């Protein structure tokens, strides 16, 4: 009886893991796109100096994670379905 209960939970748990991995991959992709677009670069007039340069990558990563969690550009959903089909 317990075995069937575990097997019933496994697909749901598996789907959750796949979806989480897909969102993380989308966040990495979005972070690279934000970097390429110049997001987080120091402004000319009110730059934060060396500290801003060092910590801007953290800001970009967090913004990308927030974008992905909010639905992103739909890449995570495509990745999820592709991974689930395998």
N, C-alpha and C. Protein backbone atom coordinates (compact mmCIF):
# COMPACT_ATOMS: atom_id res chain seq x y z
N UNK A 1 0.82 -1.19 0.00
CA UNK A 1 0.00 0.00 0.00
C UNK A 1 0.87 1.26 0.00
N UNK A 2 1.91 1.26 0.81
CA UNK A 2 2.79 2.41 0.86
C UNK A 2 3.53 2.58 -0.45
N UNK A 3 3.85 1.48 -1.09
CA UNK A 3 4.59 1.55 -2.35
C UNK A 3 3.76 2.27 -3.40
N UNK A 4 2.46 1.95 -3.48
CA UNK A 4 1.63 2.64 -4.47
C UNK A 4 1.50 4.12 -4.14
N UNK A 5 1.48 4.45 -2.86
CA UNK A 5 1.42 5.85 -2.46
C UNK A 5 2.68 6.60 -2.86
N UNK A 6 3.82 5.94 -2.74
CA UNK A 6 5.07 6.57 -3.15
C UNK A 6 5.14 6.75 -4.66
N UNK A 7 4.67 5.75 -5.38
CA UNK A 7 4.72 5.86 -6.84
C UNK A 7 3.76 6.93 -7.34
N UNK A 8 2.66 7.14 -6.63
CA UNK A 8 1.72 8.18 -7.02
C UNK A 8 2.33 9.56 -6.78
N UNK A 9 3.18 9.68 -5.76
CA UNK A 9 3.80 10.96 -5.47
C UNK A 9 5.01 11.21 -6.36
N UNK A 10 5.64 10.18 -6.83
CA UNK A 10 6.87 10.33 -7.61
C UNK A 10 6.68 11.19 -8.86
N UNK A 11 5.65 10.97 -9.69
CA UNK A 11 5.51 11.82 -10.87
C UNK A 11 5.31 13.29 -10.51
N UNK A 12 4.54 13.55 -9.48
CA UNK A 12 4.30 14.94 -9.07
C UNK A 12 5.62 15.56 -8.61
N UNK A 13 6.37 14.81 -7.81
CA UNK A 13 7.65 15.29 -7.34
C UNK A 13 8.62 15.47 -8.50
N UNK A 14 8.58 14.54 -9.43
CA UNK A 14 9.43 14.61 -10.61
C UNK A 14 9.08 15.83 -11.45
N UNK A 15 7.81 16.08 -11.64
CA UNK A 15 7.36 17.26 -12.38
C UNK A 15 7.84 18.54 -11.71
N UNK A 16 7.78 18.55 -10.40
CA UNK A 16 8.21 19.73 -9.63
C UNK A 16 9.71 19.97 -9.83
N UNK A 17 10.48 18.89 -9.79
CA UNK A 17 11.93 19.02 -9.98
C UNK A 17 12.26 19.49 -11.39
N UNK A 18 11.56 18.95 -12.37
CA UNK A 18 11.79 19.35 -13.76
C UNK A 18 11.41 20.82 -13.95
N UNK A 19 10.29 21.22 -13.40
CA UNK A 19 9.84 22.61 -13.54
C UNK A 19 10.83 23.57 -12.87
N UNK A 20 11.32 23.19 -11.70
CA UNK A 20 12.30 24.01 -10.99
C UNK A 20 13.58 24.16 -11.81
N UNK A 21 14.06 23.05 -12.37
CA UNK A 21 15.27 23.09 -13.19
C UNK A 21 15.04 23.94 -14.43
N UNK A 22 13.87 23.85 -15.03
CA UNK A 22 13.56 24.64 -16.23
C UNK A 22 13.54 26.13 -15.90
N UNK A 23 12.97 26.49 -14.75
CA UNK A 23 12.94 27.90 -14.35
C UNK A 23 14.34 28.42 -14.06
N UNK A 24 15.17 27.57 -13.44
CA UNK A 24 16.55 27.98 -13.16
C UNK A 24 17.32 28.19 -14.46
N UNK A 25 17.10 27.32 -15.44
CA UNK A 25 17.77 27.47 -16.73
C UNK A 25 17.30 28.75 -17.43
N UNK A 26 16.01 29.03 -17.35
CA UNK A 26 15.50 30.27 -17.94
C UNK A 26 16.10 31.49 -17.24
N UNK A 27 16.27 31.41 -15.92
CA UNK A 27 16.86 32.52 -15.17
C UNK A 27 18.31 32.77 -15.61
N UNK A 28 19.05 31.70 -15.84
CA UNK A 28 20.43 31.84 -16.31
C UNK A 28 20.44 32.49 -17.69
N UNK A 29 19.55 32.04 -18.56
CA UNK A 29 19.44 32.62 -19.90
C UNK A 29 19.09 34.10 -19.82
N UNK A 30 18.11 34.45 -18.98
CA UNK A 30 17.71 35.85 -18.84
C UNK A 30 18.82 36.71 -18.26
N UNK A 31 19.60 36.15 -17.33
CA UNK A 31 20.72 36.89 -16.77
C UNK A 31 21.74 37.23 -17.86
N UNK A 32 22.01 36.28 -18.72
CA UNK A 32 22.95 36.53 -19.83
C UNK A 32 22.39 37.59 -20.79
N UNK A 33 21.10 37.55 -21.03
CA UNK A 33 20.49 38.55 -21.91
C UNK A 33 20.52 39.94 -21.26
N UNK A 34 20.29 40.01 -19.96
CA UNK A 34 20.35 41.29 -19.26
C UNK A 34 21.77 41.85 -19.29
N UNK A 35 22.77 40.97 -19.11
CA UNK A 35 24.16 41.42 -19.18
C UNK A 35 24.48 41.95 -20.58
N UNK A 36 24.04 41.23 -21.60
CA UNK A 36 24.30 41.64 -22.98
C UNK A 36 23.61 42.97 -23.30
N UNK A 37 22.47 43.22 -22.66
CA UNK A 37 21.74 44.45 -22.89
C UNK A 37 22.33 45.63 -22.11
N UNK A 38 23.29 45.34 -21.25
CA UNK A 38 23.93 46.41 -20.49
C UNK A 38 23.28 46.70 -19.15
N UNK A 39 22.37 45.86 -18.72
CA UNK A 39 21.72 46.06 -17.43
C UNK A 39 22.75 45.89 -16.32
N UNK A 40 22.77 46.80 -15.36
CA UNK A 40 23.69 46.71 -14.24
C UNK A 40 25.02 47.41 -14.48
N UNK A 41 25.18 48.00 -15.66
CA UNK A 41 26.42 48.75 -15.91
C UNK A 41 26.38 50.05 -15.14
N UNK A 42 27.54 50.48 -14.74
CA UNK A 42 27.67 51.71 -13.97
C UNK A 42 27.29 52.92 -14.81
N UNK A 43 26.48 53.81 -14.24
CA UNK A 43 26.12 55.03 -14.97
C UNK A 43 27.29 56.01 -14.91
N UNK A 44 27.34 56.87 -15.87
CA UNK A 44 28.46 57.81 -15.97
C UNK A 44 28.44 58.86 -14.85
N UNK A 45 27.27 59.39 -14.52
CA UNK A 45 27.22 60.51 -13.60
C UNK A 45 27.17 60.10 -12.12
N UNK A 46 26.45 59.07 -11.78
CA UNK A 46 26.30 58.69 -10.38
C UNK A 46 26.71 57.25 -10.14
N UNK A 47 27.83 56.86 -10.66
CA UNK A 47 28.31 55.49 -10.49
C UNK A 47 28.69 55.19 -9.06
N UNK A 48 28.57 53.94 -8.68
CA UNK A 48 28.88 53.51 -7.33
C UNK A 48 30.30 53.03 -7.16
N UNK A 49 31.13 53.22 -8.17
CA UNK A 49 32.53 52.85 -8.06
C UNK A 49 32.76 51.36 -8.21
N UNK A 50 33.84 50.91 -7.62
CA UNK A 50 34.26 49.51 -7.73
C UNK A 50 33.24 48.57 -7.09
N UNK A 51 32.66 49.00 -5.98
CA UNK A 51 31.66 48.17 -5.28
C UNK A 51 30.47 47.85 -6.15
N UNK A 52 30.02 48.85 -6.89
CA UNK A 52 28.87 48.62 -7.78
C UNK A 52 29.24 47.61 -8.87
N UNK A 53 30.43 47.73 -9.40
CA UNK A 53 30.88 46.78 -10.43
C UNK A 53 30.90 45.36 -9.89
N UNK A 54 31.38 45.21 -8.66
CA UNK A 54 31.52 43.89 -8.08
C UNK A 54 30.18 43.25 -7.75
N UNK A 55 29.21 44.04 -7.35
CA UNK A 55 27.94 43.49 -6.90
C UNK A 55 26.82 43.57 -7.94
N UNK A 56 27.09 44.17 -9.08
CA UNK A 56 26.05 44.28 -10.10
C UNK A 56 25.62 42.91 -10.64
N UNK A 57 26.53 41.94 -10.63
CA UNK A 57 26.17 40.60 -11.11
C UNK A 57 25.10 39.97 -10.21
N UNK A 58 25.16 40.25 -8.90
CA UNK A 58 24.14 39.73 -7.98
C UNK A 58 22.77 40.34 -8.30
N UNK A 59 22.76 41.63 -8.61
CA UNK A 59 21.52 42.30 -8.98
C UNK A 59 20.94 41.69 -10.25
N UNK A 60 21.79 41.48 -11.22
CA UNK A 60 21.34 40.90 -12.49
C UNK A 60 20.78 39.50 -12.27
N UNK A 61 21.47 38.68 -11.49
CA UNK A 61 21.00 37.32 -11.21
C UNK A 61 19.64 37.33 -10.52
N UNK A 62 19.49 38.21 -9.54
CA UNK A 62 18.22 38.28 -8.81
C UNK A 62 17.09 38.78 -9.71
N UNK A 63 17.37 39.77 -10.53
CA UNK A 63 16.36 40.26 -11.46
C UNK A 63 15.94 39.15 -12.42
N UNK A 64 16.91 38.38 -12.91
CA UNK A 64 16.61 37.28 -13.83
C UNK A 64 15.77 36.21 -13.13
N UNK A 65 16.09 35.90 -11.87
CA UNK A 65 15.30 34.91 -11.12
C UNK A 65 13.87 35.41 -10.94
N UNK A 66 13.72 36.69 -10.61
CA UNK A 66 12.39 37.26 -10.44
C UNK A 66 11.60 37.23 -11.74
N UNK A 67 12.27 37.54 -12.84
CA UNK A 67 11.60 37.47 -14.14
C UNK A 67 11.14 36.05 -14.45
N UNK A 68 12.01 35.08 -14.22
CA UNK A 68 11.67 33.68 -14.51
C UNK A 68 10.53 33.20 -13.63
N UNK A 69 10.54 33.56 -12.34
CA UNK A 69 9.46 33.16 -11.43
C UNK A 69 8.13 33.80 -11.81
N UNK A 70 8.20 34.99 -12.39
CA UNK A 70 6.99 35.70 -12.80
C UNK A 70 6.47 35.28 -14.16
N UNK A 71 7.07 34.27 -14.74
CA UNK A 71 6.60 33.80 -16.04
C UNK A 71 7.64 33.94 -17.13
N UNK A 72 8.61 34.82 -16.89
CA UNK A 72 9.71 34.98 -17.83
C UNK A 72 9.25 35.26 -19.24
N UNK A 73 9.93 34.65 -20.19
CA UNK A 73 9.60 34.81 -21.60
C UNK A 73 8.98 33.53 -22.16
N UNK A 74 8.64 32.60 -21.26
CA UNK A 74 8.00 31.35 -21.68
C UNK A 74 8.97 30.23 -21.99
N UNK A 75 10.26 30.49 -21.83
CA UNK A 75 11.26 29.48 -22.13
C UNK A 75 11.18 28.30 -21.17
N UNK A 76 10.94 28.56 -19.89
CA UNK A 76 10.87 27.48 -18.89
C UNK A 76 9.77 26.48 -19.22
N UNK A 77 8.66 26.96 -19.70
CA UNK A 77 7.55 26.07 -20.03
C UNK A 77 7.92 25.15 -21.19
N UNK A 78 8.61 25.69 -22.19
CA UNK A 78 9.05 24.88 -23.33
C UNK A 78 10.09 23.85 -22.88
N UNK A 79 11.01 24.28 -22.03
CA UNK A 79 12.03 23.36 -21.52
C UNK A 79 11.36 22.26 -20.71
N UNK A 80 10.41 22.62 -19.87
CA UNK A 80 9.69 21.64 -19.04
C UNK A 80 9.05 20.58 -19.91
N UNK A 81 8.33 20.99 -20.94
CA UNK A 81 7.64 20.02 -21.80
C UNK A 81 8.63 19.17 -22.59
N UNK A 82 9.75 19.76 -22.99
CA UNK A 82 10.77 19.00 -23.71
C UNK A 82 11.41 17.96 -22.80
N UNK A 83 11.70 18.34 -21.57
CA UNK A 83 12.32 17.41 -20.62
C UNK A 83 11.34 16.33 -20.19
N UNK A 84 10.09 16.70 -20.04
CA UNK A 84 9.07 15.73 -19.61
C UNK A 84 8.81 14.71 -20.72
N UNK A 85 8.93 15.14 -21.96
CA UNK A 85 8.72 14.24 -23.09
C UNK A 85 9.81 13.19 -23.21
N UNK A 86 10.98 13.48 -22.68
CA UNK A 86 12.09 12.54 -22.72
C UNK A 86 11.84 11.50 -21.69
